[in-house]
C-alpha atoms as a PDB file:
ATOM      1  CA  UNK A   1       0.000   0.000   0.000  1.00  0.00           C
ATOM      2  CA  UNK A   2       1.381   3.395  -0.992  1.00  0.00           C
ATOM      3  CA  UNK A   3       2.351   5.739   1.856  1.00  0.00           C
ATOM      4  CA  UNK A   4       0.447   8.821   0.670  1.00  0.00           C
ATOM      5  CA  UNK A   5       2.206  11.319   2.909  1.00  0.00           C
ATOM      6  CA  UNK A   6       5.612  10.006   1.869  1.00  0.00           C
ATOM      7  CA  UNK A   7       4.679   9.976  -1.825  1.00  0.00           C
ATOM      8  CA  UNK A   8       3.462  13.574  -1.650  1.00  0.00           C
ATOM      9  CA  UNK A   9       6.727  14.634  -0.059  1.00  0.00           C
ATOM     10  CA  UNK A  10       9.012  12.702  -2.385  1.00  0.00           C
ATOM     11  CA  UNK A  11       7.190  13.351  -5.660  1.00  0.00           C
ATOM     12  CA  UNK A  12       5.949  16.904  -5.166  1.00  0.00           C
ATOM     13  CA  UNK A  13       8.440  18.277  -7.694  1.00  0.00           C
ATOM     14  CA  UNK A  14       8.494  15.218  -9.946  1.00  0.00           C
ATOM     15  CA  UNK A  15       7.355  15.367 -13.560  1.00  0.00           C
ATOM     16  CA  UNK A  16       3.770  14.266 -14.277  1.00  0.00           C
ATOM     17  CA  UNK A  17       5.175  11.310 -16.217  1.00  0.00           C
ATOM     18  CA  UNK A  18       7.189  10.182 -13.184  1.00  0.00           C
ATOM     19  CA  UNK A  19       4.140  10.535 -10.942  1.00  0.00           C
ATOM     20  CA  UNK A  20       2.052   8.422 -13.323  1.00  0.00           C
ATOM     21  CA  UNK A  21       4.744   5.748 -13.529  1.00  0.00           C
ATOM     22  CA  UNK A  22       5.078   5.610  -9.743  1.00  0.00           C
ATOM     23  CA  UNK A  23       1.332   5.310  -9.218  1.00  0.00           C
ATOM     24  CA  UNK A  24       0.914   2.650 -11.905  1.00  0.00           C
ATOM     25  CA  UNK A  25       3.671   0.604 -10.291  1.00  0.00           C
ATOM     26  CA  UNK A  26       1.289   0.279  -7.312  1.00  0.00           C
ATOM     27  CA  UNK A  27      -1.868  -0.282  -9.361  1.00  0.00           C
ATOM     28  CA  UNK A  28      -3.760  -3.438 -10.150  1.00  0.00           C
ATOM     29  CA  UNK A  29      -6.846  -1.783 -11.625  1.00  0.00           C
ATOM     30  CA  UNK A  30      -6.186   1.868 -12.542  1.00  0.00           C
ATOM     31  CA  UNK A  31      -8.480   4.225 -14.415  1.00  0.00           C
ATOM     32  CA  UNK A  32      -8.332   7.790 -15.626  1.00  0.00           C
ATOM     33  CA  UNK A  33     -11.386  10.013 -15.895  1.00  0.00           C
ATOM     34  CA  UNK A  34     -11.959  12.732 -18.441  1.00  0.00           C
ATOM     35  CA  UNK A  35     -14.546  15.271 -19.527  1.00  0.00           C
ATOM     36  CA  UNK A  36     -12.682  15.943 -22.812  1.00  0.00           C
ATOM     37  CA  UNK A  37     -12.606  19.594 -21.832  1.00  0.00           C
ATOM     38  CA  UNK A  38      -9.721  22.067 -22.259  1.00  0.00           C
ATOM     39  CA  UNK A  39      -6.275  20.456 -21.977  1.00  0.00           C
ATOM     40  CA  UNK A  40      -7.682  16.999 -21.143  1.00  0.00           C
ATOM     41  CA  UNK A  41      -5.633  15.588 -24.014  1.00  0.00           C
ATOM     42  CA  UNK A  42      -2.523  16.047 -21.847  1.00  0.00           C
ATOM     43  CA  UNK A  43      -3.445  13.555 -19.107  1.00  0.00           C
ATOM     44  CA  UNK A  44      -4.837  11.111 -21.675  1.00  0.00           C
ATOM     45  CA  UNK A  45      -1.689  11.196 -23.792  1.00  0.00           C
ATOM     46  CA  UNK A  46       0.572  10.838 -20.752  1.00  0.00           C
ATOM     47  CA  UNK A  47      -1.418   7.936 -19.314  1.00  0.00           C
ATOM     48  CA  UNK A  48      -1.482   5.836 -22.481  1.00  0.00           C
ATOM     49  CA  UNK A  49       2.277   6.313 -22.960  1.00  0.00           C
ATOM     50  CA  UNK A  50       2.759   4.314 -19.748  1.00  0.00           C
ATOM     51  CA  UNK A  51      -0.238   1.972 -19.963  1.00  0.00           C
ATOM     52  CA  UNK A  52      -1.770   1.852 -23.422  1.00  0.00           C
ATOM     53  CA  UNK A  53      -4.946   0.035 -22.357  1.00  0.00           C
ATOM     54  CA  UNK A  54      -5.749   2.000 -19.205  1.00  0.00           C
ATOM     55  CA  UNK A  55      -9.535   2.356 -18.919  1.00  0.00           C
ATOM     56  CA  UNK A  56     -10.701   5.902 -19.633  1.00  0.00           C
ATOM     57  CA  UNK A  57     -14.021   6.839 -18.049  1.00  0.00           C
ATOM     58  CA  UNK A  58     -15.953   9.675 -19.672  1.00  0.00           C
ATOM     59  CA  UNK A  59     -18.911  11.150 -17.816  1.00  0.00           C
ATOM     60  CA  UNK A  60     -20.849  12.599 -20.752  1.00  0.00           C
ATOM     61  CA  UNK A  61     -23.593  14.905 -19.474  1.00  0.00           C
ATOM     62  CA  UNK A  62     -25.181  15.209 -22.898  1.00  0.00           C
ATOM     63  CA  UNK A  63     -24.718  18.972 -22.715  1.00  0.00           C
ATOM     64  CA  UNK A  64     -21.269  19.062 -24.290  1.00  0.00           C
ATOM     65  CA  UNK A  65     -20.497  21.411 -27.160  1.00  0.00           C
ATOM     66  CA  UNK A  66     -20.184  20.164 -30.720  1.00  0.00           C
ATOM     67  CA  UNK A  67     -16.464  20.965 -30.552  1.00  0.00           C
ATOM     68  CA  UNK A  68     -16.073  18.811 -27.437  1.00  0.00           C
ATOM     69  CA  UNK A  69     -17.617  15.791 -29.146  1.00  0.00           C
ATOM     70  CA  UNK A  70     -15.440  16.296 -32.237  1.00  0.00           C
ATOM     71  CA  UNK A  71     -12.210  16.565 -30.215  1.00  0.00           C
ATOM     72  CA  UNK A  72     -13.251  13.606 -28.075  1.00  0.00           C
ATOM     73  CA  UNK A  73     -13.632  11.441 -31.158  1.00  0.00           C
ATOM     74  CA  UNK A  74     -10.277  12.619 -32.504  1.00  0.00           C
ATOM     75  CA  UNK A  75      -8.536  11.670 -29.274  1.00  0.00           C
ATOM     76  CA  UNK A  76     -10.341   8.339 -28.930  1.00  0.00           C
ATOM     77  CA  UNK A  77      -9.108   7.367 -32.389  1.00  0.00           C
ATOM     78  CA  UNK A  78      -5.632   8.936 -32.309  1.00  0.00           C
ATOM     79  CA  UNK A  79      -4.723   7.551 -28.885  1.00  0.00           C
ATOM     80  CA  UNK A  80      -6.694   4.323 -29.299  1.00  0.00           C
ATOM     81  CA  UNK A  81      -8.365   5.018 -25.969  1.00  0.00           C
ATOM     82  CA  UNK A  82      -9.952   2.204 -23.999  1.00  0.00           C
ATOM     83  CA  UNK A  83     -13.002   4.402 -23.484  1.00  0.00           C
ATOM     84  CA  UNK A  84     -16.035   3.683 -21.308  1.00  0.00           C
ATOM     85  CA  UNK A  85     -18.795   6.293 -21.526  1.00  0.00           C
ATOM     86  CA  UNK A  86     -21.224   6.913 -18.679  1.00  0.00           C
ATOM     87  CA  UNK A  87     -24.310   9.044 -19.213  1.00  0.00           C
ATOM     88  CA  UNK A  88     -26.989  10.293 -16.802  1.00  0.00           C
ATOM     89  CA  UNK A  89     -30.110   8.182 -16.413  1.00  0.00           C
ATOM     90  CA  UNK A  90     -32.082  11.289 -17.411  1.00  0.00           C
ATOM     91  CA  UNK A  91     -31.343  12.716 -20.870  1.00  0.00           C
ATOM     92  CA  UNK A  92     -30.522  16.382 -21.412  1.00  0.00           C
ATOM     93  CA  UNK A  93     -33.638  16.801 -23.573  1.00  0.00           C
ATOM     94  CA  UNK A  94     -35.870  15.254 -20.931  1.00  0.00           C
ATOM     95  CA  UNK A  95     -34.335  17.423 -18.221  1.00  0.00           C
ATOM     96  CA  UNK A  96     -34.803  20.564 -20.275  1.00  0.00           C
ATOM     97  CA  UNK A  97     -38.449  19.676 -20.849  1.00  0.00           C
ATOM     98  CA  UNK A  98     -39.052  19.004 -17.160  1.00  0.00           C
ATOM     99  CA  UNK A  99     -37.097  21.917 -15.691  1.00  0.00           C
ATOM    100  CA  UNK A 100     -37.261  24.422 -18.519  1.00  0.00           C
ATOM    101  CA  UNK A 101     -33.481  24.417 -18.860  1.00  0.00           C
ATOM    102  CA  UNK A 102     -30.436  24.008 -16.610  1.00  0.00           C
ATOM    103  CA  UNK A 103     -31.105  25.320 -13.077  1.00  0.00           C
ATOM    104  CA  UNK A 104     -28.928  28.271 -12.058  1.00  0.00           C
ATOM    105  CA  UNK A 105     -26.469  27.729  -9.210  1.00  0.00           C
ATOM    106  CA  UNK A 106     -28.700  29.637  -6.800  1.00  0.00           C
ATOM    107  CA  UNK A 107     -31.720  27.522  -7.732  1.00  0.00           C
ATOM    108  CA  UNK A 108     -32.589  24.895  -5.095  1.00  0.00           C
ATOM    109  CA  UNK A 109     -32.896  22.350  -7.914  1.00  0.00           C
ATOM    110  CA  UNK A 110     -29.252  22.742  -8.939  1.00  0.00           C
ATOM    111  CA  UNK A 111     -27.944  20.289  -6.329  1.00  0.00           C
ATOM    112  CA  UNK A 112     -30.266  17.576  -7.631  1.00  0.00           C
ATOM    113  CA  UNK A 113     -29.283  18.440 -11.196  1.00  0.00           C
ATOM    114  CA  UNK A 114     -25.583  18.041 -10.313  1.00  0.00           C
ATOM    115  CA  UNK A 115     -26.326  14.719  -8.642  1.00  0.00           C
ATOM    116  CA  UNK A 116     -28.160  13.434 -11.723  1.00  0.00           C
ATOM    117  CA  UNK A 117     -25.783  14.697 -14.379  1.00  0.00           C
ATOM    118  CA  UNK A 118     -22.373  14.254 -12.770  1.00  0.00           C
ATOM    119  CA  UNK A 119     -22.216  12.628  -9.357  1.00  0.00           C
ATOM    120  CA  UNK A 120     -24.475   9.626  -9.962  1.00  0.00           C
ATOM    121  CA  UNK A 121     -22.852   8.599 -13.275  1.00  0.00           C
ATOM    122  CA  UNK A 122     -19.427   8.980 -11.666  1.00  0.00           C
ATOM    123  CA  UNK A 123     -20.428   6.879  -8.647  1.00  0.00           C
ATOM    124  CA  UNK A 124     -21.822   4.241 -11.014  1.00  0.00           C
ATOM    125  CA  UNK A 125     -18.568   4.188 -12.978  1.00  0.00           C
ATOM    126  CA  UNK A 126     -16.477   3.785  -9.839  1.00  0.00           C
ATOM    127  CA  UNK A 127     -18.726   0.999  -8.548  1.00  0.00           C
ATOM    128  CA  UNK A 128     -18.532  -0.918 -11.807  1.00  0.00           C
ATOM    129  CA  UNK A 129     -14.802  -0.452 -12.421  1.00  0.00           C
ATOM    130  CA  UNK A 130     -13.685  -0.830  -8.789  1.00  0.00           C
ATOM    131  CA  UNK A 131     -10.353   0.946  -9.419  1.00  0.00           C
ATOM    132  CA  UNK A 132      -7.527   1.040  -6.923  1.00  0.00           C
ATOM    133  CA  UNK A 133      -5.864   4.054  -8.628  1.00  0.00           C
ATOM    134  CA  UNK A 134      -7.710   6.991 -10.181  1.00  0.00           C
ATOM    135  CA  UNK A 135      -5.941   9.588 -12.333  1.00  0.00           C
ATOM    136  CA  UNK A 136      -7.509  13.021 -12.649  1.00  0.00           C
ATOM    137  CA  UNK A 137      -6.374  16.115 -14.561  1.00  0.00           C
ATOM    138  CA  UNK A 138      -7.250  18.690 -11.879  1.00  0.00           C
ATOM    139  CA  UNK A 139      -4.782  21.559 -11.431  1.00  0.00           C
ATOM    140  CA  UNK A 140      -4.254  23.839  -8.455  1.00  0.00           C
ATOM    141  CA  UNK A 141      -4.680  27.052 -10.451  1.00  0.00           C
ATOM    142  CA  UNK A 142      -8.212  26.120 -11.553  1.00  0.00           C
ATOM    143  CA  UNK A 143     -10.140  26.768  -8.316  1.00  0.00           C
ATOM    144  CA  UNK A 144      -9.517  27.931  -4.756  1.00  0.00           C
ATOM    145  CA  UNK A 145     -10.406  24.475  -3.437  1.00  0.00           C
ATOM    146  CA  UNK A 146      -7.785  22.778  -5.602  1.00  0.00           C
ATOM    147  CA  UNK A 147      -5.012  25.044  -4.315  1.00  0.00           C
ATOM    148  CA  UNK A 148      -5.038  23.012  -1.103  1.00  0.00           C
ATOM    149  CA  UNK A 149      -5.035  19.615  -2.795  1.00  0.00           C
ATOM    150  CA  UNK A 150      -2.098  17.207  -2.815  1.00  0.00           C
ATOM    151  CA  UNK A 151      -0.908  15.125  -5.757  1.00  0.00           C
ATOM    152  CA  UNK A 152      -1.808  11.901  -3.951  1.00  0.00           C
ATOM    153  CA  UNK A 153      -4.974  11.570  -1.921  1.00  0.00           C
ATOM    154  CA  UNK A 154      -7.814   9.234  -1.051  1.00  0.00           C
ATOM    155  CA  UNK A 155     -10.940   9.073  -3.179  1.00  0.00           C
ATOM    156  CA  UNK A 156     -14.197   7.131  -2.874  1.00  0.00           C
ATOM    157  CA  UNK A 157     -13.979   3.616  -1.428  1.00  0.00           C
ATOM    158  CA  UNK A 158     -10.334   4.168  -0.528  1.00  0.00           C
ATOM    159  CA  UNK A 159      -9.139   4.544  -4.120  1.00  0.00           C
ATOM    160  CA  UNK A 160      -5.759   6.227  -4.545  1.00  0.00           C
ATOM    161  CA  UNK A 161      -6.548   9.546  -6.220  1.00  0.00           C
ATOM    162  CA  UNK A 162      -3.654  10.913  -8.274  1.00  0.00           C
ATOM    163  CA  UNK A 163      -3.397  14.387  -9.834  1.00  0.00           C
ATOM    164  CA  UNK A 164      -0.139  14.293 -11.850  1.00  0.00           C
ATOM    165  CA  UNK A 165      -0.745  17.739 -13.380  1.00  0.00           C
ATOM    166  CA  UNK A 166      -1.686  19.468 -10.124  1.00  0.00           C
ATOM    167  CA  UNK A 167       1.217  21.943 -10.205  1.00  0.00           C
ATOM    168  CA  UNK A 168       1.290  22.565 -13.950  1.00  0.00           C
ATOM    169  CA  UNK A 169       0.221  25.956 -15.265  1.00  0.00           C
ATOM    170  CA  UNK A 170      -1.842  26.599 -18.376  1.00  0.00           C
ATOM    171  CA  UNK A 171       1.336  27.524 -20.260  1.00  0.00           C
ATOM    172  CA  UNK A 172       2.788  24.085 -19.446  1.00  0.00           C
ATOM    173  CA  UNK A 173      -0.350  22.418 -20.731  1.00  0.00           C
ATOM    174  CA  UNK A 174      -0.340  24.435 -23.942  1.00  0.00           C
ATOM    175  CA  UNK A 175       3.312  23.632 -24.546  1.00  0.00           C
ATOM    176  CA  UNK A 176       2.667  19.903 -24.140  1.00  0.00           C
ATOM    177  CA  UNK A 177      -0.235  20.020 -26.583  1.00  0.00           C
ATOM    178  CA  UNK A 178       1.888  21.748 -29.195  1.00  0.00           C
ATOM    179  CA  UNK A 179       4.895  19.450 -28.706  1.00  0.00           C
ATOM    180  CA  UNK A 180       2.721  16.365 -29.148  1.00  0.00           C
ATOM    181  CA  UNK A 181       0.372  17.754 -31.806  1.00  0.00           C
ATOM    182  CA  UNK A 182      -2.732  17.189 -29.683  1.00  0.00           C
ATOM    183  CA  UNK A 183      -6.124  18.830 -30.275  1.00  0.00           C
ATOM    184  CA  UNK A 184      -7.714  21.047 -27.643  1.00  0.00           C
ATOM    185  CA  UNK A 185     -11.240  22.159 -26.817  1.00  0.00           C
ATOM    186  CA  UNK A 186     -11.827  25.905 -26.628  1.00  0.00           C
ATOM    187  CA  UNK A 187     -15.617  26.052 -26.501  1.00  0.00           C
ATOM    188  CA  UNK A 188     -16.456  23.832 -23.542  1.00  0.00           C
ATOM    189  CA  UNK A 189     -19.512  23.821 -21.295  1.00  0.00           C
ATOM    190  CA  UNK A 190     -20.046  22.091 -17.960  1.00  0.00           C
ATOM    191  CA  UNK A 191     -23.720  22.440 -16.984  1.00  0.00           C
ATOM    192  CA  UNK A 192     -23.012  21.762 -13.303  1.00  0.00           C
ATOM    193  CA  UNK A 193     -20.429  24.525 -12.843  1.00  0.00           C
ATOM    194  CA  UNK A 194     -21.776  27.713 -14.470  1.00  0.00           C
ATOM    195  CA  UNK A 195     -18.433  29.434 -13.830  1.00  0.00           C
ATOM    196  CA  UNK A 196     -15.017  28.130 -14.923  1.00  0.00           C
ATOM    197  CA  UNK A 197     -13.510  28.592 -11.460  1.00  0.00           C
ATOM    198  CA  UNK A 198     -16.391  26.946  -9.605  1.00  0.00           C
ATOM    199  CA  UNK A 199     -16.215  23.374  -8.315  1.00  0.00           C
ATOM    200  CA  UNK A 200     -18.766  20.987  -9.805  1.00  0.00           C
ATOM    201  CA  UNK A 201     -18.906  18.872  -6.645  1.00  0.00           C
ATOM    202  CA  UNK A 202     -17.009  15.844  -7.893  1.00  0.00           C
ATOM    203  CA  UNK A 203     -13.859  16.550  -5.869  1.00  0.00           C
ATOM    204  CA  UNK A 204     -15.340  18.392  -2.894  1.00  0.00           C
ATOM    205  CA  UNK A 205     -17.571  15.447  -1.995  1.00  0.00           C
ATOM    206  CA  UNK A 206     -14.746  12.898  -1.879  1.00  0.00           C
END
């Protein structure tokens, strides 16, 4: 079992690739999650360089932009991703008909909306995959909450949660995309966040 405190101390300044390699050395059933949003190609490319068949879980809300779906397909094909897509049990069209659109963040219905369109599909994915290591592309500069995160942590059901890119800046991400000729999403929409620097609830609830 990995000593999380020790790993955070020893690998804090390590490259994302080194962090991924170290975590995979401990893993029996790893996964990486993605929303195919901005810069997500970085974590996907890095992960498959070390483990080509690592399962990639995509929580697809059904509200993604056309550009997101196009880039997602490009990456799935170019990186030969072992993709597993999870969708909400309620479709976007059905939700729009019932609620008249996406509830605003100050609407009392927004918490239920987030549960239906992000948290429940994610919980279902974790239950079905039963991973022991989970790679995520969160970065400390994205939100105030993530500034206090560590590279290694504990996720749901005791899974080892690993954020290899935690200390990378947007300029680092852009450089990696260009060096590896990877596509990026510019027009992205997360219906559960409303604002780019707002947490969606996936990481705060763990």
